[in-house]
Amino acid sequence: MGGANKRKTDKQAVREQIIRAADKAFTEKGIRPVRMDDIAAALSISKRTLYELFQDKETLLLEVMKHHRNEMKHYMEQVASGADNVLEVLLKFYEHTLQGLQTTNRAFFEDMKMYPLVRAYIEEARKENAAAAIEFYRKGVAQGIFRPEVNYDIAQAMVCEQMDRLLQSEACRSYSLPEVYETVIFMHMRGISTRRGLEIMERFSNSQ
């Protein structure tokens, strides 16, 4: 029994190593150039071991995206437990996302369209994230941080649509991903914030 548990633990450890290695490779180089063989070689494991755990690149990419989402969820829970208001939580979320984009190749997002299972997962996650964001906005309105006259369903949809279009835009290829993201979020947050919200944003900016 103990031997079986150890094998299961070892297998899980290898699986997590593969996901982390694939995450790094995909985000830095884009998805298309990275072969399953490259990941196996980087970890000094056999291709057989890799394919026993992940049947193909799309399956591995899907697990990478789930890993990203779980990490962000845990990070947000930690931030929310010590925050005084919802704007602090959102600003930390945007800051964390911005840091991740510093080492992300634009091709990572462009290559996603080649993988239908991953696209479907991202779309479902986006719907859930949008619902959570709307709840944050409503709490922010109650806290006097966000403007009550704004339709936040439209505002949230606008941010997602802007980012999607800008990622594909030739006009934005001369700018880095962090610069595009930061500009969109900065304009969005200032547009929905009350004077109190703007003061919180200013303090947050000055503390960085």
Protein backbone atom coordinates (compact mmCIF):
# COMPACT_ATOMS: atom_id res chain seq x y z
CA MET A 1 0.00 0.00 0.00
CA GLY A 2 2.80 2.38 0.91
CA GLY A 3 4.57 1.68 -2.38
CA ALA A 4 1.41 2.48 -4.35
CA ASN A 5 0.98 5.78 -2.51
CA LYS A 6 4.60 6.70 -3.18
CA ARG A 7 4.22 5.98 -6.89
CA LYS A 8 1.09 8.11 -6.97
CA THR A 9 2.89 10.95 -5.16
CA ASP A 10 5.90 10.69 -7.49
CA LYS A 11 3.62 10.72 -10.53
CA GLN A 12 1.83 13.82 -9.24
CA ALA A 13 5.17 15.56 -8.62
CA VAL A 14 6.31 14.82 -12.19
CA ARG A 15 2.96 16.03 -13.51
CA GLU A 16 3.34 19.34 -11.68
CA GLN A 17 6.92 19.73 -12.94
CA ILE A 18 5.73 19.22 -16.50
CA ILE A 19 2.96 21.81 -16.11
CA ARG A 20 5.38 24.38 -14.69
CA ALA A 21 7.94 23.72 -17.43
CA ALA A 22 5.29 23.92 -20.16
CA ASP A 23 3.89 27.11 -18.64
CA LYS A 24 7.31 28.78 -18.79
CA ALA A 25 8.02 27.57 -22.33
CA PHE A 26 4.60 28.48 -23.75
CA THR A 27 4.48 31.96 -22.24
CA GLU A 28 8.05 32.87 -23.19
CA LYS A 29 8.13 31.41 -26.72
CA GLY A 30 4.50 31.06 -27.75
CA ILE A 31 2.71 27.72 -28.00
CA ARG A 32 3.37 26.75 -31.61
CA PRO A 33 7.20 26.57 -31.46
CA VAL A 34 7.27 24.40 -28.33
CA ARG A 35 7.21 20.67 -29.02
CA MET A 36 6.32 17.97 -26.54
CA ASP A 37 9.80 16.56 -27.21
CA ASP A 38 11.31 19.88 -26.05
CA ILE A 39 9.47 19.70 -22.73
CA ALA A 40 10.49 16.09 -22.14
CA ALA A 41 14.12 16.93 -22.93
CA ALA A 42 14.12 19.99 -20.68
CA LEU A 43 12.98 17.85 -17.74
CA SER A 44 15.14 14.84 -18.66
CA ILE A 45 12.13 12.55 -18.77
CA SER A 46 11.11 10.12 -21.49
CA LYS A 47 8.51 11.01 -24.08
CA ARG A 48 6.62 7.94 -22.92
CA THR A 49 6.32 9.38 -19.40
CA LEU A 50 5.14 12.70 -20.81
CA TYR A 51 2.49 11.14 -23.02
CA GLU A 52 1.28 8.87 -20.22
CA LEU A 53 0.37 12.00 -18.27
CA PHE A 54 -0.73 14.27 -21.15
CA GLN A 55 -2.01 12.74 -24.35
CA ASP A 56 -1.11 15.72 -26.53
CA LYS A 57 -0.04 19.38 -26.46
CA GLU A 58 -3.60 20.68 -26.21
CA THR A 59 -4.25 18.56 -23.11
CA LEU A 60 -1.07 19.93 -21.54
CA LEU A 61 -1.93 23.51 -22.51
CA LEU A 62 -5.37 23.11 -20.96
CA GLU A 63 -3.75 22.03 -17.68
CA VAL A 64 -1.42 25.02 -17.87
CA MET A 65 -4.42 27.35 -18.19
CA LYS A 66 -6.14 25.65 -15.24
CA HIS A 67 -2.92 26.04 -13.24
CA HIS A 68 -2.85 29.78 -14.06
CA ARG A 69 -6.43 30.19 -12.97
CA ASN A 70 -6.00 28.30 -9.69
CA GLU A 71 -2.89 30.30 -8.81
CA MET A 72 -4.72 33.56 -9.46
CA LYS A 73 -7.71 32.40 -7.41
CA HIS A 74 -5.49 31.60 -4.42
CA TYR A 75 -3.65 34.91 -4.80
CA MET A 76 -6.92 36.86 -4.89
CA GLU A 77 -8.20 35.06 -1.79
CA GLN A 78 -5.04 36.04 0.08
CA VAL A 79 -5.29 39.65 -1.05
CA ALA A 80 -9.00 39.89 -0.23
CA SER A 81 -8.42 38.61 3.31
CA GLY A 82 -6.26 41.64 4.12
CA ALA A 83 -7.84 44.37 1.98
CA ASP A 84 -9.89 47.29 3.30
CA ASN A 85 -11.99 47.68 0.15
CA VAL A 86 -12.68 46.04 -3.21
CA LEU A 87 -10.59 48.52 -5.18
CA GLU A 88 -7.44 47.41 -3.37
CA VAL A 89 -8.22 43.83 -4.40
CA LEU A 90 -8.77 44.79 -8.05
CA LEU A 91 -5.61 46.89 -8.17
CA LYS A 92 -3.58 43.99 -6.78
CA PHE A 93 -5.15 41.70 -9.38
CA TYR A 94 -4.20 44.08 -12.19
CA GLU A 95 -0.70 44.51 -10.77
CA HIS A 96 -0.23 40.73 -10.57
CA THR A 97 -1.48 40.27 -14.13
CA LEU A 98 0.80 43.06 -15.35
CA GLN A 99 3.82 41.36 -13.80
CA GLY A 100 2.96 38.12 -15.57
CA LEU A 101 2.73 39.91 -18.91
CA GLN A 102 6.30 41.16 -18.55
CA THR A 103 7.58 37.72 -19.58
CA THR A 104 4.72 36.68 -21.87
CA ASN A 105 5.18 36.48 -25.61
CA ARG A 106 2.30 37.95 -27.62
CA ALA A 107 2.30 34.71 -29.65
CA PHE A 108 1.09 32.87 -26.53
CA PHE A 109 -2.31 34.54 -26.94
CA GLU A 110 -2.30 34.44 -30.72
CA ASP A 111 -1.62 30.69 -30.78
CA MET A 112 -4.59 29.95 -28.50
CA LYS A 113 -7.00 30.04 -31.44
CA MET A 114 -5.49 26.79 -32.71
CA TYR A 115 -6.79 24.82 -29.70
CA PRO A 116 -10.62 24.50 -29.47
CA LEU A 117 -10.69 22.82 -26.04
CA VAL A 118 -8.55 25.59 -24.59
CA ARG A 119 -10.65 28.29 -26.27
CA ALA A 120 -13.80 26.78 -24.79
CA TYR A 121 -12.22 26.64 -21.32
CA ILE A 122 -11.08 30.27 -21.56
CA GLU A 123 -14.53 31.39 -22.66
CA GLU A 124 -16.17 29.62 -19.73
CA ALA A 125 -13.60 31.03 -17.32
CA ARG A 126 -14.15 34.50 -18.74
CA LYS A 127 -17.88 34.28 -18.03
CA GLU A 128 -17.21 33.27 -14.42
CA ASN A 129 -14.57 35.97 -14.02
CA ALA A 130 -16.93 38.58 -15.45
CA ALA A 131 -19.62 37.60 -12.94
CA ALA A 132 -17.09 37.90 -10.09
CA ALA A 133 -15.92 41.29 -11.40
CA ILE A 134 -19.50 42.60 -11.53
CA GLU A 135 -19.94 41.58 -7.91
CA PHE A 136 -16.76 43.50 -7.02
CA TYR A 137 -18.04 46.57 -8.85
CA ARG A 138 -21.35 46.45 -6.99
CA LYS A 139 -19.56 46.21 -3.68
CA GLY A 140 -17.39 49.14 -4.76
CA VAL A 141 -20.50 51.20 -5.50
CA ALA A 142 -21.82 50.39 -2.01
CA GLN A 143 -18.45 51.45 -0.55
CA GLY A 144 -18.55 54.77 -2.42
CA ILE A 145 -15.54 53.84 -4.56
CA PHE A 146 -17.19 53.25 -7.94
CA ARG A 147 -19.71 55.46 -9.68
CA PRO A 148 -23.32 54.23 -9.29
CA GLU A 149 -24.51 55.47 -12.71
CA VAL A 150 -22.20 53.15 -14.68
CA ASN A 151 -23.60 50.00 -16.33
CA TYR A 152 -20.93 47.55 -15.16
CA ASP A 153 -22.05 44.73 -17.42
CA ILE A 154 -21.18 46.95 -20.37
CA ALA A 155 -18.00 48.28 -18.73
CA GLN A 156 -16.67 44.78 -18.09
CA ALA A 157 -17.51 43.66 -21.61
CA MET A 158 -15.73 46.72 -23.02
CA VAL A 159 -12.48 45.91 -21.21
CA CYS A 160 -12.45 42.32 -22.46
CA GLU A 161 -13.32 43.38 -26.00
CA GLN A 162 -10.66 46.09 -26.02
CA MET A 163 -7.94 43.69 -24.92
CA ASP A 164 -8.99 41.05 -27.45
CA ARG A 165 -8.98 43.54 -30.33
CA LEU A 166 -5.75 45.24 -29.31
CA LEU A 167 -3.93 41.90 -29.09
CA GLN A 168 -4.81 41.33 -32.75
CA SER A 169 -4.29 44.92 -33.85
CA GLU A 170 -1.38 45.81 -36.14
CA ALA A 171 -1.41 49.30 -34.63
CA CYS A 172 -0.47 47.88 -31.21
CA ARG A 173 2.33 45.57 -32.33
CA SER A 174 4.87 48.32 -31.73
CA TYR A 175 3.87 48.40 -28.05
CA SER A 176 4.54 45.78 -25.40
CA LEU A 177 1.76 43.70 -23.87
CA PRO A 178 2.24 45.29 -20.42
CA GLU A 179 1.99 48.78 -21.92
CA VAL A 180 -1.23 47.97 -23.78
CA TYR A 181 -2.77 46.26 -20.74
CA GLU A 182 -1.77 49.01 -18.32
CA THR A 183 -3.21 51.73 -20.59
CA VAL A 184 -6.56 49.95 -21.00
CA ILE A 185 -6.90 49.24 -17.28
CA PHE A 186 -5.78 52.74 -16.25
CA MET A 187 -8.42 54.38 -18.44
CA HIS A 188 -11.08 51.90 -17.29
CA MET A 189 -10.42 52.31 -13.57
CA ARG A 190 -10.27 56.09 -13.70
CA GLY A 191 -13.49 56.17 -15.69
CA ILE A 192 -15.53 54.20 -13.15
CA SER A 193 -14.01 55.56 -9.94
CA THR A 194 -15.48 58.23 -7.68
CA ARG A 195 -13.25 60.86 -6.09
CA ARG A 196 -12.67 58.48 -3.18
CA GLY A 197 -11.74 55.73 -5.61
CA LEU A 198 -9.28 58.01 -7.40
CA GLU A 199 -7.65 58.85 -4.06
CA ILE A 200 -7.21 55.13 -3.31
CA MET A 201 -5.69 54.62 -6.75
CA GLU A 202 -3.28 57.50 -6.16
CA ARG A 203 -2.17 56.10 -2.80
CA PHE A 204 -1.72 52.66 -4.32
CA SER A 205 0.36 54.09 -7.17
CA ASN A 206 2.55 56.06 -4.77
CA SER A 207 3.17 53.01 -2.60
CA GLN A 208 4.61 50.95 -5.47
